[in-house]
Amino acid sequence: MKNAASCGVTALLVLIFSVSAQAANTLKKAPAIVSLAPSNTELLIDSGAEESIVGVCSNCATHLPNRGALLKGKPIAGSFVSANLERLTQLKPDAVLVVNGQEAIASMLKKHGFKVVILSNNKLADIPANLTTVGSLSQTEGRALKLSATFKQALTDLNAIMGGAKSRPKVFYCIWPQPLLTIGKTSFLNDVITACGGKNIADNLQQPYPHYSAERLIMADPDVIVLPYEAKGTELFKRFPWNKLRAVKEKRLFYLPAPKDDLLARPTMNVLQGLFWLSQKIHPELAGSLEKWRQQLADSRLSQPPSR
């Protein structure tokens, strides 16, 4: 009888501890994360970690207008170039997410005892890696890993399509026309051009967004020119050096969409749609294959598990 009673008590205790553990897991709070860059905020949302976002930067609302409902009421903890220490102290984040280029902010925050994670944005391969990092920080690893795998497969498939291209057009990606700014070797957009079957005429420059001289532009004479949305409606191409370029004469110049719709503006999952846009501009002869690729991508995104 004693043994039976003892076994009964043991079983009851095991059940109690099991229920308690399950309840604790259910009530466990999502990690608190502050994002001081719009791209990091978008990665968190992509990964299903909306609950983890306890603070954002002032640039998020303007750069992510399509995410407004998810960011409504989120405290502003700083900007891309500064951090609000008082606000951060109140928020008590488990981690503060920044990007390369914000090293000064990262150093200052570390000195004040904050855990800071810097995400690199130098190449396309950084995007799936950053998704994995964000998923680990926010405890949304399952969704983040699936998105990361989707991104890698999409790049592999796009590379296979570009293998069928007969040429590799020279591309000038204009960040700003006056002064003339472009993208260099260490910008992820350099990888974007390569993935879309083009060659960045400034890929020998180490800076991510270097100045580019008019004389050098004329000598390179690109086949395709990509321009910022803000350059629309100007008489830019009636002036030197633009009026000397083959791409202008052959009307192979393309304006980026408005900033809120520019899918190449931030290194996130949306870049895949931006790759589709640019690939069609550089290689219109591959339109059919690219459309199939876009549809496969849409289908794979639809099959992803919902955010928590």
C-alpha atoms as a PDB file:
ATOM      1  CA  MET A   1       0.000   0.000   0.000  1.00  0.00           C
ATOM      2  CA  LYS A   2       2.844   2.354   0.933  1.00  0.00           C
ATOM      3  CA  ASN A   3       4.528   1.693  -2.400  1.00  0.00           C
ATOM      4  CA  ALA A   4       1.284   2.352  -4.256  1.00  0.00           C
ATOM      5  CA  ALA A   5       0.727   5.572  -2.316  1.00  0.00           C
ATOM      6  CA  SER A   6       4.316   6.630  -2.911  1.00  0.00           C
ATOM      7  CA  CYS A   7       3.960   5.997  -6.638  1.00  0.00           C
ATOM      8  CA  GLY A   8       0.731   7.971  -6.659  1.00  0.00           C
ATOM      9  CA  VAL A   9       2.336  10.947  -4.934  1.00  0.00           C
ATOM     10  CA  THR A  10       5.329  10.808  -7.304  1.00  0.00           C
ATOM     11  CA  ALA A  11       3.057  10.742 -10.351  1.00  0.00           C
ATOM     12  CA  LEU A  12       1.078  13.677  -8.970  1.00  0.00           C
ATOM     13  CA  LEU A  13       4.254  15.700  -8.371  1.00  0.00           C
ATOM     14  CA  VAL A  14       5.501  14.962 -11.895  1.00  0.00           C
ATOM     15  CA  LEU A  15       2.166  16.125 -13.288  1.00  0.00           C
ATOM     16  CA  ILE A  16       2.247  19.321 -11.224  1.00  0.00           C
ATOM     17  CA  PHE A  17       5.803  20.180 -12.298  1.00  0.00           C
ATOM     18  CA  SER A  18       4.942  19.408 -15.922  1.00  0.00           C
ATOM     19  CA  VAL A  19       1.908  21.697 -15.881  1.00  0.00           C
ATOM     20  CA  SER A  20       3.898  24.399 -14.103  1.00  0.00           C
ATOM     21  CA  ALA A  21       6.660  24.216 -16.715  1.00  0.00           C
ATOM     22  CA  GLN A  22       4.138  24.436 -19.535  1.00  0.00           C
ATOM     23  CA  ALA A  23       2.478  27.421 -17.904  1.00  0.00           C
ATOM     24  CA  ALA A  24       5.850  29.125 -17.451  1.00  0.00           C
ATOM     25  CA  ASN A  25       6.673  28.647 -21.119  1.00  0.00           C
ATOM     26  CA  THR A  26       3.284  29.982 -22.132  1.00  0.00           C
ATOM     27  CA  LEU A  27       3.713  33.080 -19.988  1.00  0.00           C
ATOM     28  CA  LYS A  28       7.336  33.604 -21.022  1.00  0.00           C
ATOM     29  CA  LYS A  29       7.820  37.064 -22.435  1.00  0.00           C
ATOM     30  CA  ALA A  30       9.310  37.638 -25.860  1.00  0.00           C
ATOM     31  CA  PRO A  31      12.835  39.085 -25.709  1.00  0.00           C
ATOM     32  CA  ALA A  32      12.829  42.895 -25.748  1.00  0.00           C
ATOM     33  CA  ILE A  33      14.673  44.330 -28.763  1.00  0.00           C
ATOM     34  CA  VAL A  34      15.269  47.901 -29.897  1.00  0.00           C
ATOM     35  CA  SER A  35      16.042  48.491 -33.576  1.00  0.00           C
ATOM     36  CA  LEU A  36      17.924  51.622 -34.617  1.00  0.00           C
ATOM     37  CA  ALA A  37      17.777  50.947 -38.370  1.00  0.00           C
ATOM     38  CA  PRO A  38      14.726  50.457 -40.642  1.00  0.00           C
ATOM     39  CA  SER A  39      16.240  47.374 -42.283  1.00  0.00           C
ATOM     40  CA  ASN A  40      16.655  45.674 -38.899  1.00  0.00           C
ATOM     41  CA  THR A  41      13.076  46.519 -37.979  1.00  0.00           C
ATOM     42  CA  GLU A  42      11.863  44.973 -41.224  1.00  0.00           C
ATOM     43  CA  LEU A  43      13.940  41.833 -40.604  1.00  0.00           C
ATOM     44  CA  LEU A  44      12.325  41.498 -37.167  1.00  0.00           C
ATOM     45  CA  ILE A  45       8.854  41.822 -38.695  1.00  0.00           C
ATOM     46  CA  ASP A  46       9.725  39.354 -41.476  1.00  0.00           C
ATOM     47  CA  SER A  47      10.817  36.883 -38.807  1.00  0.00           C
ATOM     48  CA  GLY A  48       7.530  37.214 -36.945  1.00  0.00           C
ATOM     49  CA  ALA A  49       9.099  39.047 -34.022  1.00  0.00           C
ATOM     50  CA  GLU A  50       6.723  42.020 -33.778  1.00  0.00           C
ATOM     51  CA  GLU A  51       6.177  41.306 -30.077  1.00  0.00           C
ATOM     52  CA  SER A  52       9.896  41.659 -29.432  1.00  0.00           C
ATOM     53  CA  ILE A  53      10.126  45.183 -30.849  1.00  0.00           C
ATOM     54  CA  VAL A  54       9.988  47.534 -27.853  1.00  0.00           C
ATOM     55  CA  GLY A  55      11.616  50.524 -29.539  1.00  0.00           C
ATOM     56  CA  VAL A  56      12.485  51.777 -33.023  1.00  0.00           C
ATOM     57  CA  CYS A  57      14.365  54.637 -34.659  1.00  0.00           C
ATOM     58  CA  SER A  58      12.743  57.816 -35.924  1.00  0.00           C
ATOM     59  CA  ASN A  59      13.490  56.767 -39.521  1.00  0.00           C
ATOM     60  CA  CYS A  60      11.342  53.621 -39.344  1.00  0.00           C
ATOM     61  CA  ALA A  61       7.991  55.364 -39.773  1.00  0.00           C
ATOM     62  CA  THR A  62       9.062  57.162 -42.963  1.00  0.00           C
ATOM     63  CA  HIS A  63      11.074  54.303 -44.449  1.00  0.00           C
ATOM     64  CA  LEU A  64       8.546  51.594 -43.584  1.00  0.00           C
ATOM     65  CA  PRO A  65       5.147  53.233 -44.234  1.00  0.00           C
ATOM     66  CA  ASN A  66       3.670  49.875 -45.293  1.00  0.00           C
ATOM     67  CA  ARG A  67       4.483  48.509 -41.830  1.00  0.00           C
ATOM     68  CA  GLY A  68       2.825  51.406 -40.004  1.00  0.00           C
ATOM     69  CA  ALA A  69       0.135  49.350 -38.287  1.00  0.00           C
ATOM     70  CA  LEU A  70       2.752  47.039 -36.753  1.00  0.00           C
ATOM     71  CA  LEU A  71       4.896  49.932 -35.539  1.00  0.00           C
ATOM     72  CA  LYS A  72       2.100  52.131 -34.211  1.00  0.00           C
ATOM     73  CA  GLY A  73       2.794  53.151 -30.620  1.00  0.00           C
ATOM     74  CA  LYS A  74       6.351  51.801 -30.589  1.00  0.00           C
ATOM     75  CA  PRO A  75       8.586  54.216 -28.626  1.00  0.00           C
ATOM     76  CA  ILE A  76      11.248  56.140 -30.552  1.00  0.00           C
ATOM     77  CA  ALA A  77      14.605  55.190 -29.039  1.00  0.00           C
ATOM     78  CA  GLY A  78      16.844  57.217 -31.343  1.00  0.00           C
ATOM     79  CA  SER A  79      17.654  57.852 -34.981  1.00  0.00           C
ATOM     80  CA  PHE A  80      20.094  56.369 -37.462  1.00  0.00           C
ATOM     81  CA  VAL A  81      22.822  58.675 -36.107  1.00  0.00           C
ATOM     82  CA  SER A  82      21.976  58.949 -32.399  1.00  0.00           C
ATOM     83  CA  ALA A  83      20.460  57.050 -29.484  1.00  0.00           C
ATOM     84  CA  ASN A  84      18.205  58.277 -26.674  1.00  0.00           C
ATOM     85  CA  LEU A  85      19.935  56.900 -23.577  1.00  0.00           C
ATOM     86  CA  GLU A  86      17.155  57.931 -21.217  1.00  0.00           C
ATOM     87  CA  ARG A  87      14.531  56.177 -23.327  1.00  0.00           C
ATOM     88  CA  LEU A  88      16.691  53.070 -23.747  1.00  0.00           C
ATOM     89  CA  THR A  89      17.241  52.878 -19.980  1.00  0.00           C
ATOM     90  CA  GLN A  90      13.463  52.926 -19.496  1.00  0.00           C
ATOM     91  CA  LEU A  91      12.889  50.253 -22.158  1.00  0.00           C
ATOM     92  CA  LYS A  92      15.518  47.881 -20.713  1.00  0.00           C
ATOM     93  CA  PRO A  93      16.069  45.970 -23.972  1.00  0.00           C
ATOM     94  CA  ASP A  94      17.715  42.569 -24.057  1.00  0.00           C
ATOM     95  CA  ALA A  95      19.496  43.720 -27.228  1.00  0.00           C
ATOM     96  CA  VAL A  96      19.880  46.815 -29.409  1.00  0.00           C
ATOM     97  CA  LEU A  97      20.148  46.125 -33.137  1.00  0.00           C
ATOM     98  CA  VAL A  98      22.245  48.414 -35.354  1.00  0.00           C
ATOM     99  CA  VAL A  99      23.901  48.066 -38.766  1.00  0.00           C
ATOM    100  CA  ASN A 100      27.417  48.654 -40.033  1.00  0.00           C
ATOM    101  CA  GLY A 101      27.864  52.384 -40.308  1.00  0.00           C
ATOM    102  CA  GLN A 102      26.477  52.831 -36.795  1.00  0.00           C
ATOM    103  CA  GLU A 103      29.659  51.725 -35.014  1.00  0.00           C
ATOM    104  CA  ALA A 104      29.922  54.984 -33.067  1.00  0.00           C
ATOM    105  CA  ILE A 105      26.439  54.474 -31.606  1.00  0.00           C
ATOM    106  CA  ALA A 106      27.264  50.821 -30.857  1.00  0.00           C
ATOM    107  CA  SER A 107      30.439  51.778 -28.994  1.00  0.00           C
ATOM    108  CA  MET A 108      28.633  54.374 -26.894  1.00  0.00           C
ATOM    109  CA  LEU A 109      25.800  51.999 -26.003  1.00  0.00           C
ATOM    110  CA  LYS A 110      28.200  49.228 -25.011  1.00  0.00           C
ATOM    111  CA  LYS A 111      29.948  51.637 -22.636  1.00  0.00           C
ATOM    112  CA  HIS A 112      26.567  52.189 -20.970  1.00  0.00           C
ATOM    113  CA  GLY A 113      26.019  48.468 -20.483  1.00  0.00           C
ATOM    114  CA  PHE A 114      23.674  47.675 -23.359  1.00  0.00           C
ATOM    115  CA  LYS A 115      24.014  44.507 -25.391  1.00  0.00           C
ATOM    116  CA  VAL A 116      24.508  45.649 -28.984  1.00  0.00           C
ATOM    117  CA  VAL A 117      24.337  43.487 -32.112  1.00  0.00           C
ATOM    118  CA  ILE A 118      25.704  44.917 -35.375  1.00  0.00           C
ATOM    119  CA  LEU A 119      24.270  43.430 -38.557  1.00  0.00           C
ATOM    120  CA  SER A 120      26.434  43.663 -41.663  1.00  0.00           C
ATOM    121  CA  ASN A 121      24.903  44.858 -44.950  1.00  0.00           C
ATOM    122  CA  ASN A 122      27.832  44.566 -47.346  1.00  0.00           C
ATOM    123  CA  LYS A 123      26.555  41.766 -49.562  1.00  0.00           C
ATOM    124  CA  LEU A 124      23.425  39.798 -50.428  1.00  0.00           C
ATOM    125  CA  ALA A 125      24.640  36.795 -48.432  1.00  0.00           C
ATOM    126  CA  ASP A 126      24.382  38.953 -45.297  1.00  0.00           C
ATOM    127  CA  ILE A 127      20.573  39.002 -45.577  1.00  0.00           C
ATOM    128  CA  PRO A 128      19.921  35.296 -44.805  1.00  0.00           C
ATOM    129  CA  ALA A 129      22.662  35.431 -42.161  1.00  0.00           C
ATOM    130  CA  ASN A 130      20.984  38.450 -40.551  1.00  0.00           C
ATOM    131  CA  LEU A 131      17.609  36.702 -40.612  1.00  0.00           C
ATOM    132  CA  THR A 132      19.154  33.815 -38.693  1.00  0.00           C
ATOM    133  CA  THR A 133      20.704  36.200 -36.152  1.00  0.00           C
ATOM    134  CA  VAL A 134      17.461  38.098 -35.680  1.00  0.00           C
ATOM    135  CA  GLY A 135      15.514  34.843 -35.317  1.00  0.00           C
ATOM    136  CA  SER A 136      17.894  33.660 -32.610  1.00  0.00           C
ATOM    137  CA  LEU A 137      17.673  36.940 -30.695  1.00  0.00           C
ATOM    138  CA  SER A 138      13.877  37.067 -30.853  1.00  0.00           C
ATOM    139  CA  GLN A 139      13.296  33.332 -30.361  1.00  0.00           C
ATOM    140  CA  THR A 140      11.601  33.024 -33.757  1.00  0.00           C
ATOM    141  CA  GLU A 141      14.254  30.690 -35.157  1.00  0.00           C
ATOM    142  CA  GLY A 142      11.824  28.427 -37.015  1.00  0.00           C
ATOM    143  CA  ARG A 143      10.359  31.118 -39.252  1.00  0.00           C
ATOM    144  CA  ALA A 144      13.675  32.947 -39.651  1.00  0.00           C
ATOM    145  CA  LEU A 145      15.498  29.793 -40.775  1.00  0.00           C
ATOM    146  CA  LYS A 146      12.813  29.011 -43.343  1.00  0.00           C
ATOM    147  CA  LEU A 147      12.965  32.545 -44.722  1.00  0.00           C
ATOM    148  CA  SER A 148      16.757  32.327 -44.845  1.00  0.00           C
ATOM    149  CA  ALA A 149      16.567  29.078 -46.811  1.00  0.00           C
ATOM    150  CA  THR A 150      13.981  30.613 -49.178  1.00  0.00           C
ATOM    151  CA  PHE A 151      16.276  33.579 -49.822  1.00  0.00           C
ATOM    152  CA  LYS A 152      19.296  31.392 -50.563  1.00  0.00           C
ATOM    153  CA  GLN A 153      17.323  29.148 -52.924  1.00  0.00           C
ATOM    154  CA  ALA A 154      15.888  32.157 -54.741  1.00  0.00           C
ATOM    155  CA  LEU A 155      19.405  33.498 -55.378  1.00  0.00           C
ATOM    156  CA  THR A 156      20.543  30.082 -56.624  1.00  0.00           C
ATOM    157  CA  ASP A 157      17.586  29.896 -59.020  1.00  0.00           C
ATOM    158  CA  LEU A 158      18.163  33.455 -60.254  1.00  0.00           C
ATOM    159  CA  ASN A 159      21.818  32.676 -60.873  1.00  0.00           C
ATOM    160  CA  ALA A 160      20.774  29.711 -63.014  1.00  0.00           C
ATOM    161  CA  ILE A 161      18.516  31.973 -65.096  1.00  0.00           C
ATOM    162  CA  MET A 162      21.303  34.507 -65.581  1.00  0.00           C
ATOM    163  CA  GLY A 163      23.533  31.691 -66.787  1.00  0.00           C
ATOM    164  CA  GLY A 164      21.461  31.800 -69.965  1.00  0.00           C
ATOM    165  CA  ALA A 165      22.187  35.474 -70.644  1.00  0.00           C
ATOM    166  CA  LYS A 166      24.359  36.182 -73.668  1.00  0.00           C
ATOM    167  CA  SER A 167      25.847  39.381 -72.293  1.00  0.00           C
ATOM    168  CA  ARG A 168      26.653  41.138 -69.043  1.00  0.00           C
ATOM    169  CA  PRO A 169      25.662  44.783 -69.526  1.00  0.00           C
ATOM    170  CA  LYS A 170      27.588  47.528 -67.749  1.00  0.00           C
ATOM    171  CA  VAL A 171      25.395  49.224 -65.139  1.00  0.00           C
ATOM    172  CA  PHE A 172      25.675  52.628 -63.498  1.00  0.00           C
ATOM    173  CA  TYR A 173      23.568  52.775 -60.337  1.00  0.00           C
ATOM    174  CA  CYS A 174      23.153  56.451 -59.487  1.00  0.00           C
ATOM    175  CA  ILE A 175      22.415  57.121 -55.818  1.00  0.00           C
ATOM    176  CA  TRP A 176      22.330  60.885 -56.382  1.00  0.00           C
ATOM    177  CA  PRO A 177      22.990  62.923 -59.544  1.00  0.00           C
ATOM    178  CA  GLN A 178      24.436  66.129 -58.050  1.00  0.00           C
ATOM    179  CA  PRO A 179      26.985  65.551 -56.612  1.00  0.00           C
ATOM    180  CA  LEU A 180      27.316  62.298 -58.516  1.00  0.00           C
ATOM    181  CA  LEU A 181      27.149  59.341 -56.110  1.00  0.00           C
ATOM    182  CA  THR A 182      27.111  55.652 -56.969  1.00  0.00           C
ATOM    183  CA  ILE A 183      27.621  52.266 -55.292  1.00  0.00           C
ATOM    184  CA  GLY A 184      30.983  50.649 -54.696  1.00  0.00           C
ATOM    185  CA  LYS A 185      32.276  47.189 -53.964  1.00  0.00           C
ATOM    186  CA  THR A 186      31.206  47.073 -50.306  1.00  0.00           C
ATOM    187  CA  SER A 187      27.531  47.941 -50.824  1.00  0.00           C
ATOM    188  CA  PHE A 188      25.078  45.051 -50.997  1.00  0.00           C
ATOM    189  CA  LEU A 189      23.735  46.762 -54.128  1.00  0.00           C
ATOM    190  CA  ASN A 190      26.949  45.786 -55.916  1.00  0.00           C
ATOM    191  CA  ASP A 191      25.912  42.175 -55.325  1.00  0.00           C
ATOM    192  CA  VAL A 192      22.395  43.051 -56.510  1.00  0.00           C
ATOM    193  CA  ILE A 193      23.713  44.187 -59.904  1.00  0.00           C
ATOM    194  CA  THR A 194      25.818  41.037 -60.241  1.00  0.00           C
ATOM    195  CA  ALA A 195      22.874  38.791 -59.298  1.00  0.00           C
ATOM    196  CA  CYS A 196      20.773  40.543 -61.952  1.00  0.00           C
ATOM    197  CA  GLY A 197      23.309  39.701 -64.643  1.00  0.00           C
ATOM    198  CA  GLY A 198      25.008  43.087 -64.861  1.00  0.00           C
ATOM    199  CA  LYS A 199      28.438  44.532 -64.096  1.00  0.00           C
ATOM    200  CA  ASN A 200      28.725  47.513 -61.793  1.00  0.00           C
ATOM    201  CA  ILE A 201      31.064  50.009 -63.459  1.00  0.00           C
ATOM    202  CA  ALA A 202      32.183  51.197 -59.997  1.00  0.00           C
ATOM    203  CA  ASP A 203      32.902  47.768 -58.502  1.00  0.00           C
ATOM    204  CA  ASN A 204      36.602  48.646 -58.217  1.00  0.00           C
ATOM    205  CA  LEU A 205      35.867  51.324 -55.606  1.00  0.00           C
ATOM    206  CA  GLN A 206      36.054  50.180 -51.986  1.00  0.00           C
ATOM    207  CA  GLN A 207      33.659  52.693 -50.436  1.00  0.00           C
ATOM    208  CA  PRO A 208      30.008  51.596 -50.317  1.00  0.00           C
ATOM    209  CA  TYR A 209      28.694  54.890 -51.764  1.00  0.00           C
ATOM    210  CA  PRO A 210      31.548  56.803 -53.426  1.00  0.00           C
ATOM    211  CA  HIS A 211      31.617  59.988 -55.480  1.00  0.00           C
ATOM    212  CA  TYR A 212      32.015  59.389 -59.207  1.00  0.00           C
ATOM    213  CA  SER A 213      33.444  61.863 -61.681  1.00  0.00           C
ATOM    214  CA  ALA A 214      31.726  62.905 -64.901  1.00  0.00           C
ATOM    215  CA  GLU A 215      34.855  62.044 -66.856  1.00  0.00           C
ATOM    216  CA  ARG A 216      34.958  58.525 -65.454  1.00  0.00           C
ATOM    217  CA  LEU A 217      31.278  58.042 -66.252  1.00  0.00           C
ATOM    218  CA  ILE A 218      31.839  59.057 -69.873  1.00  0.00           C
ATOM    219  CA  MET A 219      34.794  56.692 -70.198  1.00  0.00           C
ATOM    220  CA  ALA A 220      32.787  53.773 -68.732  1.00  0.00           C
ATOM    221  CA  ASP A 221      29.797  54.569 -70.999  1.00  0.00           C
ATOM    222  CA  PRO A 222      27.327  52.186 -69.269  1.00  0.00           C
ATOM    223  CA  ASP A 223      24.714  50.134 -71.101  1.00  0.00           C
ATOM    224  CA  VAL A 224      22.090  50.647 -68.374  1.00  0.00           C
ATOM    225  CA  ILE A 225      21.570  53.499 -65.918  1.00  0.00           C
ATOM    226  CA  VAL A 226      19.487  53.293 -62.732  1.00  0.00           C
ATOM    227  CA  LEU A 227      18.432  56.627 -61.233  1.00  0.00           C
ATOM    228  CA  PRO A 228      16.846  57.764 -57.973  1.00  0.00           C
ATOM    229  CA  TYR A 229      13.139  58.526 -57.976  1.00  0.00           C
ATOM    230  CA  GLU A 230      13.899  62.144 -57.099  1.00  0.00           C
ATOM    231  CA  ALA A 231      15.601  62.678 -60.480  1.00  0.00           C
ATOM    232  CA  LYS A 232      12.294  62.245 -62.316  1.00  0.00           C
ATOM    233  CA  GLY A 233      11.060  65.307 -64.152  1.00  0.00           C
ATOM    234  CA  THR A 234      14.453  67.027 -64.253  1.00  0.00           C
ATOM    235  CA  GLU A 235      16.279  68.030 -67.423  1.00  0.00           C
ATOM    236  CA  LEU A 236      19.281  66.045 -66.282  1.00  0.00           C
ATOM    237  CA  PHE A 237      19.842  64.258 -69.594  1.00  0.00           C
ATOM    238  CA  LYS A 238      20.074  67.428 -71.637  1.00  0.00           C
ATOM    239  CA  ARG A 239      23.241  68.313 -69.754  1.00  0.00           C
ATOM    240  CA  PHE A 240      26.807  67.067 -69.623  1.00  0.00           C
ATOM    241  CA  PRO A 241      27.856  64.298 -68.923  1.00  0.00           C
ATOM    242  CA  TRP A 242      24.498  62.542 -69.344  1.00  0.00           C
ATOM    243  CA  ASN A 243      23.900  63.684 -72.919  1.00  0.00           C
ATOM    244  CA  LYS A 244      27.116  61.928 -73.967  1.00  0.00           C
ATOM    245  CA  LEU A 245      26.102  58.471 -72.735  1.00  0.00           C
ATOM    246  CA  ARG A 246      24.945  55.567 -74.890  1.00  0.00           C
ATOM    247  CA  ALA A 247      22.379  54.427 -72.317  1.00  0.00           C
ATOM    248  CA  VAL A 248      20.699  57.839 -72.507  1.00  0.00           C
ATOM    249  CA  LYS A 249      20.663  57.890 -76.299  1.00  0.00           C
ATOM    250  CA  GLU A 250      19.240  54.335 -76.406  1.00  0.00           C
ATOM    251  CA  LYS A 251      16.727  55.110 -73.626  1.00  0.00           C
ATOM    252  CA  ARG A 252      18.060  52.399 -71.327  1.00  0.00           C
ATOM    253  CA  LEU A 253      17.712  54.429 -68.158  1.00  0.00           C
ATOM    254  CA  PHE A 254      15.322  53.525 -65.387  1.00  0.00           C
ATOM    255  CA  TYR A 255      14.038  55.365 -62.319  1.00  0.00           C
ATOM    256  CA  LEU A 256      13.706  53.621 -58.995  1.00  0.00           C
ATOM    257  CA  PRO A 257      10.180  53.591 -57.510  1.00  0.00           C
ATOM    258  CA  ALA A 258       9.158  56.114 -54.858  1.00  0.00           C
ATOM    259  CA  PRO A 259      11.108  55.528 -51.617  1.00  0.00           C
ATOM    260  CA  LYS A 260       8.200  53.799 -49.862  1.00  0.00           C
ATOM    261  CA  ASP A 261       7.954  51.317 -52.751  1.00  0.00           C
ATOM    262  CA  ASP A 262      11.673  50.935 -53.490  1.00  0.00           C
ATOM    263  CA  LEU A 263      12.327  47.251 -52.834  1.00  0.00           C
ATOM    264  CA  LEU A 264      16.094  47.666 -53.255  1.00  0.00           C
ATOM    265  CA  ALA A 265      16.376  50.330 -50.549  1.00  0.00           C
ATOM    266  CA  ARG A 266      16.814  47.938 -47.622  1.00  0.00           C
ATOM    267  CA  PRO A 267      18.650  44.586 -47.333  1.00  0.00           C
ATOM    268  CA  THR A 268      15.647  42.482 -46.300  1.00  0.00           C
ATOM    269  CA  MET A 269      13.445  39.788 -47.863  1.00  0.00           C
ATOM    270  CA  ASN A 270      11.895  42.470 -50.081  1.00  0.00           C
ATOM    271  CA  VAL A 271      15.170  42.689 -51.994  1.00  0.00           C
ATOM    272  CA  LEU A 272      14.062  39.576 -53.886  1.00  0.00           C
ATOM    273  CA  GLN A 273      11.235  41.550 -55.475  1.00  0.00           C
ATOM    274  CA  GLY A 274      13.733  44.303 -56.215  1.00  0.00           C
ATOM    275  CA  LEU A 275      15.962  41.751 -57.955  1.00  0.00           C
ATOM    276  CA  PHE A 276      13.041  40.831 -60.196  1.00  0.00           C
ATOM    277  CA  TRP A 277      12.500  44.498 -61.085  1.00  0.00           C
ATOM    278  CA  LEU A 278      16.149  45.176 -61.917  1.00  0.00           C
ATOM    279  CA  SER A 279      16.739  41.863 -63.712  1.00  0.00           C
ATOM    280  CA  GLN A 280      13.972  42.711 -66.159  1.00  0.00           C
ATOM    281  CA  LYS A 281      15.564  46.085 -66.871  1.00  0.00           C
ATOM    282  CA  ILE A 282      19.024  44.625 -67.481  1.00  0.00           C
ATOM    283  CA  HIS A 283      17.872  41.474 -69.303  1.00  0.00           C
ATOM    284  CA  PRO A 284      14.441  42.036 -70.889  1.00  0.00           C
ATOM    285  CA  GLU A 285      15.072  39.000 -73.121  1.00  0.00           C
ATOM    286  CA  LEU A 286      14.766  36.787 -70.007  1.00  0.00           C
ATOM    287  CA  ALA A 287      11.343  38.146 -69.032  1.00  0.00           C
ATOM    288  CA  GLY A 288       9.561  34.783 -69.307  1.00  0.00           C
ATOM    289  CA  SER A 289      12.016  32.917 -67.072  1.00  0.00           C
ATOM    290  CA  LEU A 290      12.106  35.794 -64.616  1.00  0.00           C
ATOM    291  CA  GLU A 291       8.309  35.844 -64.329  1.00  0.00           C
ATOM    292  CA  LYS A 292       8.303  32.115 -63.501  1.00  0.00           C
ATOM    293  CA  TRP A 293      10.996  32.787 -60.882  1.00  0.00           C
ATOM    294  CA  ARG A 294       8.902  35.579 -59.371  1.00  0.00           C
ATOM    295  CA  GLN A 295       5.842  33.323 -59.185  1.00  0.00           C
ATOM    296  CA  GLN A 296       7.818  30.525 -57.529  1.00  0.00           C
ATOM    297  CA  LEU A 297       9.065  33.055 -55.012  1.00  0.00           C
ATOM    298  CA  ALA A 298       5.524  34.275 -54.302  1.00  0.00           C
ATOM    299  CA  ASP A 299       4.359  30.684 -53.798  1.00  0.00           C
ATOM    300  CA  SER A 300       7.205  29.929 -51.392  1.00  0.00           C
ATOM    301  CA  ARG A 301       6.479  33.074 -49.359  1.00  0.00           C
ATOM    302  CA  LEU A 302       2.809  32.138 -49.107  1.00  0.00           C
ATOM    303  CA  SER A 303       3.784  28.732 -47.735  1.00  0.00           C
ATOM    304  CA  GLN A 304       5.759  30.250 -44.873  1.00  0.00           C
ATOM    305  CA  PRO A 305       4.302  29.774 -41.370  1.00  0.00           C
ATOM    306  CA  PRO A 306       2.419  32.785 -39.982  1.00  0.00           C
ATOM    307  CA  SER A 307       4.018  35.211 -37.565  1.00  0.00           C
ATOM    308  CA  ARG A 308       3.535  34.327 -33.930  1.00  0.00           C
END
